[in-house]
Protein backbone atom coordinates (compact mmCIF):
# COMPACT_ATOMS: atom_id res chain seq x y z
CA MET A 1 46.31 263.08 189.62
CA MET A 2 45.56 266.76 188.29
CA ALA A 3 47.39 265.91 185.17
CA SER A 4 45.35 262.69 184.61
CA ALA A 5 42.04 265.36 184.48
CA LYS A 6 43.50 267.70 181.96
CA LEU A 7 44.70 265.26 179.69
CA LEU A 8 40.77 263.08 180.06
CA SER A 9 39.39 266.46 179.04
CA PHE A 10 41.55 266.63 176.24
CA ALA A 11 40.62 264.02 174.93
CA LEU A 12 36.85 264.43 175.70
CA LEU A 13 37.51 267.58 173.84
CA VAL A 14 39.00 266.05 170.77
CA LEU A 15 36.45 263.49 170.31
CA THR A 16 33.60 265.64 170.61
CA THR A 17 35.49 268.33 167.86
CA VAL A 18 35.86 264.69 165.42
CA ALA A 19 32.15 263.89 166.33
CA MET A 20 30.32 266.82 165.36
CA ILE A 21 32.70 266.89 162.05
CA GLY A 22 32.39 263.76 161.18
CA VAL A 23 33.95 261.23 159.19
CA PRO A 24 33.49 261.82 155.19
CA SER A 25 31.79 258.59 153.24
CA ALA A 26 32.75 256.50 150.68
CA ASP A 27 32.35 258.61 147.35
CA THR A 28 29.72 256.70 145.55
CA SER A 29 28.92 259.32 142.82
CA SER A 30 30.54 256.61 139.96
CA VAL A 31 28.22 253.45 141.31
CA PRO A 32 26.17 253.68 137.82
CA TYR A 33 22.94 252.53 139.41
CA GLY A 34 22.56 254.89 142.42
CA PRO A 35 24.52 255.30 146.42
CA ASP A 36 22.76 252.58 147.86
CA VAL A 37 24.42 249.82 145.90
CA ILE A 38 28.04 249.78 147.21
CA LEU A 39 28.26 245.99 149.00
CA PRO A 40 28.57 242.58 146.90
CA CYS A 41 25.56 240.59 147.36
CA ARG A 42 25.99 238.53 149.73
CA GLY A 43 27.83 234.68 147.71
CA ASN A 44 30.15 237.15 145.18
CA TYR A 45 27.22 235.70 141.93
CA ILE A 46 28.54 235.38 139.13
CA CYS A 47 26.61 237.64 136.61
CA PHE A 48 25.52 238.36 132.90
CA ILE A 49 24.66 241.52 131.21
CA HIS A 50 23.47 242.24 127.78
CA THR A 51 24.07 246.29 126.01
CA ASP A 52 20.19 246.43 126.17
CA GLY A 53 19.78 246.01 130.25
CA ARG A 54 18.72 242.65 130.86
CA GLN A 55 20.41 240.64 133.09
CA TYR A 56 20.72 236.46 134.83
CA GLY A 57 22.22 235.36 137.78
CA CYS A 58 22.02 237.97 140.52
CA PRO A 59 19.20 237.63 143.54
CA GLN A 60 16.55 239.63 144.00
CA GLY A 61 17.61 243.20 144.03
CA GLY A 62 20.91 243.54 143.07
CA LYS A 63 22.76 244.61 139.94
CA CYS A 64 24.98 243.41 137.87
CA ILE A 65 28.17 245.15 136.61
CA PRO A 66 30.54 244.17 134.16
CA ASN A 67 33.83 243.23 134.61
CA GLY A 68 34.64 243.83 131.52
CA ASN A 69 34.25 244.18 127.65
CA TYR A 70 31.25 242.77 125.96
CA ASP A 71 31.83 240.10 123.77
CA GLN A 72 29.99 239.81 119.87
CA HIS A 73 26.43 237.87 120.91
CA GLY A 74 26.12 241.70 123.56
CA TYR A 75 26.73 240.11 126.98
CA ALA A 76 29.49 240.82 129.40
CA GLN A 77 30.08 238.66 133.18
CA GLY A 78 29.78 240.74 135.98
CA LYS A 79 29.64 241.18 139.53
CA CYS A 80 26.47 242.03 141.24
CA PHE A 81 26.15 244.90 143.97
CA CYS A 82 23.17 244.44 146.39
CA ALA A 83 21.90 247.52 148.34
CA HIS A 84 22.15 245.50 151.95
CA GLY A 85 25.62 243.12 150.50
């Protein structure tokens, strides 16, 4: 009985230490529109973005992130990212 109490105390100590230290969050510094735009929009929208910043096909508040290179007309196909997924 005493061994299980010691084991429980040790487990609580470990969990408390982990909770105090915390778990590092994902690095979003490479996301071009800020740290809150990290998840693909619900519905997996396909969008188009122009080199001048115009974008088409994303829901309100979504940002089009290009998947590849721009064509000769200045457009690239991309995927929409939203703040709340």
